[in-house]
Amino acid sequence: MRFVEEGAYVFIAGRRQAELDRAVTQIGSNVTASRPTSPSSMAELTTAVQNRLPIKVVVLDNHSLAQVVFEQKEAGYGAFGTELGAIDFAAFARACGASGLTCRTRSELSGAITSLLHTPGPALLHAFVDPGKPTLMPDDVRG
């Protein structure tokens, strides 16, 4: 990964341990994987602000706990208790004292990531994604 090659330390989060382990293996050095819950992850942003840590966070917003929806459907159930509603994660970041950016379309993504990486201090990018598509792991993403 380009960012690791440039010296970045990568933190990834997800629900499926096997896929997290596979991503860590693929990325190699300078990576930590965890299975945090959203509230604790958001609270950790305030810690980054207090300690002036230059972390960068990308929230892929599909307006739901989409991975849970797909797991429920795979198990033969309907979606239940997975809607998040309209949370403005960029505004939340700003309220915590971090920079908050928003990306609503694929055409904005490259510029938004560049802006995120060049923003001093802690920053969060709120990226909207299609709620009808399953979440992809890094090795599933192609150019």
C-alpha atoms as a PDB file:
ATOM      1  CA  MET A   1       0.000   0.000   0.000  1.00  0.00           C
ATOM      2  CA  ARG A   2       1.259   3.415  -0.952  1.00  0.00           C
ATOM      3  CA  PHE A   3       0.576   5.000   2.443  1.00  0.00           C
ATOM      4  CA  VAL A   4       2.515   2.330   4.343  1.00  0.00           C
ATOM      5  CA  GLU A   5       5.403   2.648   1.896  1.00  0.00           C
ATOM      6  CA  GLU A   6       5.455   6.382   2.696  1.00  0.00           C
ATOM      7  CA  GLY A   7       5.683   5.647   6.433  1.00  0.00           C
ATOM      8  CA  ALA A   8       2.028   5.824   7.498  1.00  0.00           C
ATOM      9  CA  TYR A   9       0.676   3.603  10.242  1.00  0.00           C
ATOM     10  CA  VAL A  10      -2.668   2.067   9.201  1.00  0.00           C
ATOM     11  CA  PHE A  11      -5.525   1.182  11.562  1.00  0.00           C
ATOM     12  CA  ILE A  12      -8.353  -0.882  10.138  1.00  0.00           C
ATOM     13  CA  ALA A  13     -11.567  -1.933  11.813  1.00  0.00           C
ATOM     14  CA  GLY A  14     -14.160  -4.512  10.943  1.00  0.00           C
ATOM     15  CA  ARG A  15     -16.425  -7.235  12.266  1.00  0.00           C
ATOM     16  CA  ARG A  16     -14.989 -10.353  10.620  1.00  0.00           C
ATOM     17  CA  GLN A  17     -11.710 -11.408  12.220  1.00  0.00           C
ATOM     18  CA  ALA A  18     -10.614 -13.652   9.348  1.00  0.00           C
ATOM     19  CA  GLU A  19     -10.940 -10.769   6.866  1.00  0.00           C
ATOM     20  CA  LEU A  20      -9.128  -8.407   9.237  1.00  0.00           C
ATOM     21  CA  ASP A  21      -6.290 -10.935   9.561  1.00  0.00           C
ATOM     22  CA  ARG A  22      -6.130 -11.277   5.775  1.00  0.00           C
ATOM     23  CA  ALA A  23      -5.953  -7.480   5.339  1.00  0.00           C
ATOM     24  CA  VAL A  24      -3.154  -7.221   7.930  1.00  0.00           C
ATOM     25  CA  THR A  25      -1.191  -9.903   6.081  1.00  0.00           C
ATOM     26  CA  GLN A  26      -1.684  -8.124   2.771  1.00  0.00           C
ATOM     27  CA  ILE A  27      -0.724  -4.692   4.101  1.00  0.00           C
ATOM     28  CA  GLY A  28       2.292  -6.033   5.988  1.00  0.00           C
ATOM     29  CA  SER A  29       4.081  -3.720   8.375  1.00  0.00           C
ATOM     30  CA  ASN A  30       2.714  -0.669  10.200  1.00  0.00           C
ATOM     31  CA  VAL A  31      -0.849  -1.943  10.565  1.00  0.00           C
ATOM     32  CA  THR A  32      -3.216  -2.650  13.451  1.00  0.00           C
ATOM     33  CA  ALA A  33      -6.618  -4.298  13.071  1.00  0.00           C
ATOM     34  CA  SER A  34      -9.402  -4.230  15.631  1.00  0.00           C
ATOM     35  CA  ARG A  35     -13.088  -4.928  16.051  1.00  0.00           C
ATOM     36  CA  PRO A  36     -14.253  -1.763  17.836  1.00  0.00           C
ATOM     37  CA  THR A  37     -17.791  -0.532  18.266  1.00  0.00           C
ATOM     38  CA  SER A  38     -18.793   2.758  16.659  1.00  0.00           C
ATOM     39  CA  PRO A  39     -19.389   4.699  19.902  1.00  0.00           C
ATOM     40  CA  SER A  40     -15.938   3.836  21.248  1.00  0.00           C
ATOM     41  CA  SER A  41     -14.336   4.699  17.909  1.00  0.00           C
ATOM     42  CA  MET A  42     -15.998   8.103  17.909  1.00  0.00           C
ATOM     43  CA  ALA A  43     -14.968   8.712  21.534  1.00  0.00           C
ATOM     44  CA  GLU A  44     -11.392   7.935  20.561  1.00  0.00           C
ATOM     45  CA  LEU A  45     -11.478  10.907  18.199  1.00  0.00           C
ATOM     46  CA  THR A  46     -11.664  13.206  21.227  1.00  0.00           C
ATOM     47  CA  THR A  47      -8.528  11.524  22.589  1.00  0.00           C
ATOM     48  CA  ALA A  48      -6.743  12.216  19.306  1.00  0.00           C
ATOM     49  CA  VAL A  49      -7.755  15.888  19.536  1.00  0.00           C
ATOM     50  CA  GLN A  50      -6.659  16.186  23.173  1.00  0.00           C
ATOM     51  CA  ASN A  51      -3.286  14.642  22.362  1.00  0.00           C
ATOM     52  CA  ARG A  52      -2.914  16.407  18.987  1.00  0.00           C
ATOM     53  CA  LEU A  53      -2.451  13.104  17.180  1.00  0.00           C
ATOM     54  CA  PRO A  54      -2.402  13.521  13.401  1.00  0.00           C
ATOM     55  CA  ILE A  55      -4.672  10.541  12.733  1.00  0.00           C
ATOM     56  CA  LYS A  56      -6.916  10.361   9.691  1.00  0.00           C
ATOM     57  CA  VAL A  57     -10.266   8.560   9.853  1.00  0.00           C
ATOM     58  CA  VAL A  58     -12.505   7.553   6.952  1.00  0.00           C
ATOM     59  CA  VAL A  59     -16.136   6.722   7.780  1.00  0.00           C
ATOM     60  CA  LEU A  60     -17.896   4.799   5.004  1.00  0.00           C
ATOM     61  CA  ASP A  61     -21.511   5.834   5.578  1.00  0.00           C
ATOM     62  CA  ASN A  62     -24.203   3.586   4.138  1.00  0.00           C
ATOM     63  CA  HIS A  63     -26.840   4.880   6.613  1.00  0.00           C
ATOM     64  CA  SER A  64     -26.914   1.503   8.325  1.00  0.00           C
ATOM     65  CA  LEU A  65     -24.855  -1.250   9.846  1.00  0.00           C
ATOM     66  CA  ALA A  66     -24.739  -2.742   6.359  1.00  0.00           C
ATOM     67  CA  GLN A  67     -22.380  -5.585   7.148  1.00  0.00           C
ATOM     68  CA  VAL A  68     -24.837  -6.711   9.831  1.00  0.00           C
ATOM     69  CA  VAL A  69     -27.687  -6.440   7.286  1.00  0.00           C
ATOM     70  CA  PHE A  70     -25.836  -8.731   4.868  1.00  0.00           C
ATOM     71  CA  GLU A  71     -25.047 -11.188   7.685  1.00  0.00           C
ATOM     72  CA  GLN A  72     -28.707 -11.221   8.740  1.00  0.00           C
ATOM     73  CA  LYS A  73     -29.801 -11.870   5.144  1.00  0.00           C
ATOM     74  CA  GLU A  74     -27.205 -14.648   4.732  1.00  0.00           C
ATOM     75  CA  ALA A  75     -28.680 -16.289   7.838  1.00  0.00           C
ATOM     76  CA  GLY A  76     -32.161 -16.100   6.333  1.00  0.00           C
ATOM     77  CA  TYR A  77     -33.476 -13.206   8.418  1.00  0.00           C
ATOM     78  CA  GLY A  78     -34.709  -9.769   7.489  1.00  0.00           C
ATOM     79  CA  ALA A  79     -32.799  -6.654   8.516  1.00  0.00           C
ATOM     80  CA  PHE A  80     -33.568  -5.624  12.081  1.00  0.00           C
ATOM     81  CA  GLY A  81     -32.150  -2.771  14.167  1.00  0.00           C
ATOM     82  CA  THR A  82     -29.516  -1.759  11.637  1.00  0.00           C
ATOM     83  CA  GLU A  83     -30.596   1.732  10.530  1.00  0.00           C
ATOM     84  CA  LEU A  84     -28.329   4.573  11.678  1.00  0.00           C
ATOM     85  CA  GLY A  85     -30.279   7.543  10.394  1.00  0.00           C
ATOM     86  CA  ALA A  86     -28.727  10.783   9.229  1.00  0.00           C
ATOM     87  CA  ILE A  87     -25.573  11.201  11.331  1.00  0.00           C
ATOM     88  CA  ASP A  88     -23.243  13.972  10.171  1.00  0.00           C
ATOM     89  CA  PHE A  89     -19.889  12.417  11.080  1.00  0.00           C
ATOM     90  CA  ALA A  90     -17.931  15.405   9.707  1.00  0.00           C
ATOM     91  CA  ALA A  91     -19.890  17.756  11.972  1.00  0.00           C
ATOM     92  CA  PHE A  92     -19.244  15.398  14.888  1.00  0.00           C
ATOM     93  CA  ALA A  93     -15.510  15.546  14.154  1.00  0.00           C
ATOM     94  CA  ARG A  94     -15.594  19.352  14.101  1.00  0.00           C
ATOM     95  CA  ALA A  95     -17.546  19.383  17.372  1.00  0.00           C
ATOM     96  CA  CYS A  96     -14.724  17.307  18.902  1.00  0.00           C
ATOM     97  CA  GLY A  97     -12.116  19.774  17.651  1.00  0.00           C
ATOM     98  CA  ALA A  98     -10.898  17.759  14.649  1.00  0.00           C
ATOM     99  CA  SER A  99     -11.266  18.684  11.001  1.00  0.00           C
ATOM    100  CA  GLY A 100     -14.334  17.201   9.305  1.00  0.00           C
ATOM    101  CA  LEU A 101     -14.625  16.686   5.544  1.00  0.00           C
ATOM    102  CA  THR A 102     -17.447  15.201   3.462  1.00  0.00           C
ATOM    103  CA  CYS A 103     -17.433  13.265   0.184  1.00  0.00           C
ATOM    104  CA  ARG A 104     -20.812  12.535  -1.413  1.00  0.00           C
ATOM    105  CA  THR A 105     -19.810  11.195  -4.854  1.00  0.00           C
ATOM    106  CA  ARG A 106     -17.174   8.912  -6.326  1.00  0.00           C
ATOM    107  CA  SER A 107     -15.841  11.805  -8.426  1.00  0.00           C
ATOM    108  CA  GLU A 108     -15.068  13.737  -5.224  1.00  0.00           C
ATOM    109  CA  LEU A 109     -13.224  10.833  -3.582  1.00  0.00           C
ATOM    110  CA  SER A 110      -9.671  11.363  -4.838  1.00  0.00           C
ATOM    111  CA  GLY A 111      -9.678  15.067  -3.977  1.00  0.00           C
ATOM    112  CA  ALA A 112     -11.278  14.380  -0.604  1.00  0.00           C
ATOM    113  CA  ILE A 113      -8.624  11.824   0.332  1.00  0.00           C
ATOM    114  CA  THR A 114      -5.866  14.192  -0.768  1.00  0.00           C
ATOM    115  CA  SER A 115      -7.401  16.967   1.359  1.00  0.00           C
ATOM    116  CA  LEU A 116      -7.737  14.586   4.307  1.00  0.00           C
ATOM    117  CA  LEU A 117      -4.099  13.520   4.137  1.00  0.00           C
ATOM    118  CA  HIS A 118      -2.892  17.128   3.897  1.00  0.00           C
ATOM    119  CA  THR A 119      -5.039  18.372   6.795  1.00  0.00           C
ATOM    120  CA  PRO A 120      -2.912  19.025   9.881  1.00  0.00           C
ATOM    121  CA  GLY A 121      -3.911  17.294  13.116  1.00  0.00           C
ATOM    122  CA  PRO A 122      -6.735  14.797  13.522  1.00  0.00           C
ATOM    123  CA  ALA A 123      -9.219  14.724  10.647  1.00  0.00           C
ATOM    124  CA  LEU A 124     -12.210  12.669   9.561  1.00  0.00           C
ATOM    125  CA  LEU A 125     -13.608  12.098   6.081  1.00  0.00           C
ATOM    126  CA  HIS A 126     -17.325  11.261   5.960  1.00  0.00           C
ATOM    127  CA  ALA A 127     -17.713   9.317   2.690  1.00  0.00           C
ATOM    128  CA  PHE A 128     -21.170   8.272   1.534  1.00  0.00           C
ATOM    129  CA  VAL A 129     -21.362   4.806  -0.052  1.00  0.00           C
ATOM    130  CA  ASP A 130     -24.113   2.739  -1.661  1.00  0.00           C
ATOM    131  CA  PRO A 131     -26.083   0.975   1.104  1.00  0.00           C
ATOM    132  CA  GLY A 132     -27.112  -1.746  -1.334  1.00  0.00           C
ATOM    133  CA  LYS A 133     -23.591  -3.033  -1.909  1.00  0.00           C
ATOM    134  CA  PRO A 134     -21.602  -5.192   0.515  1.00  0.00           C
ATOM    135  CA  THR A 135     -18.502  -3.743   2.143  1.00  0.00           C
ATOM    136  CA  LEU A 136     -15.303  -4.658   0.310  1.00  0.00           C
ATOM    137  CA  MET A 137     -11.993  -5.678   1.851  1.00  0.00           C
ATOM    138  CA  PRO A 138      -8.812  -3.974   0.534  1.00  0.00           C
ATOM    139  CA  ASP A 139      -7.907  -6.822  -1.821  1.00  0.00           C
ATOM    140  CA  ASP A 140     -11.387  -6.642  -3.387  1.00  0.00           C
ATOM    141  CA  VAL A 141     -10.967  -2.994  -4.422  1.00  0.00           C
ATOM    142  CA  ARG A 142      -9.640  -2.445  -7.909  1.00  0.00           C
ATOM    143  CA  GLY A 143      -8.418   0.897  -9.336  1.00  0.00           C
END
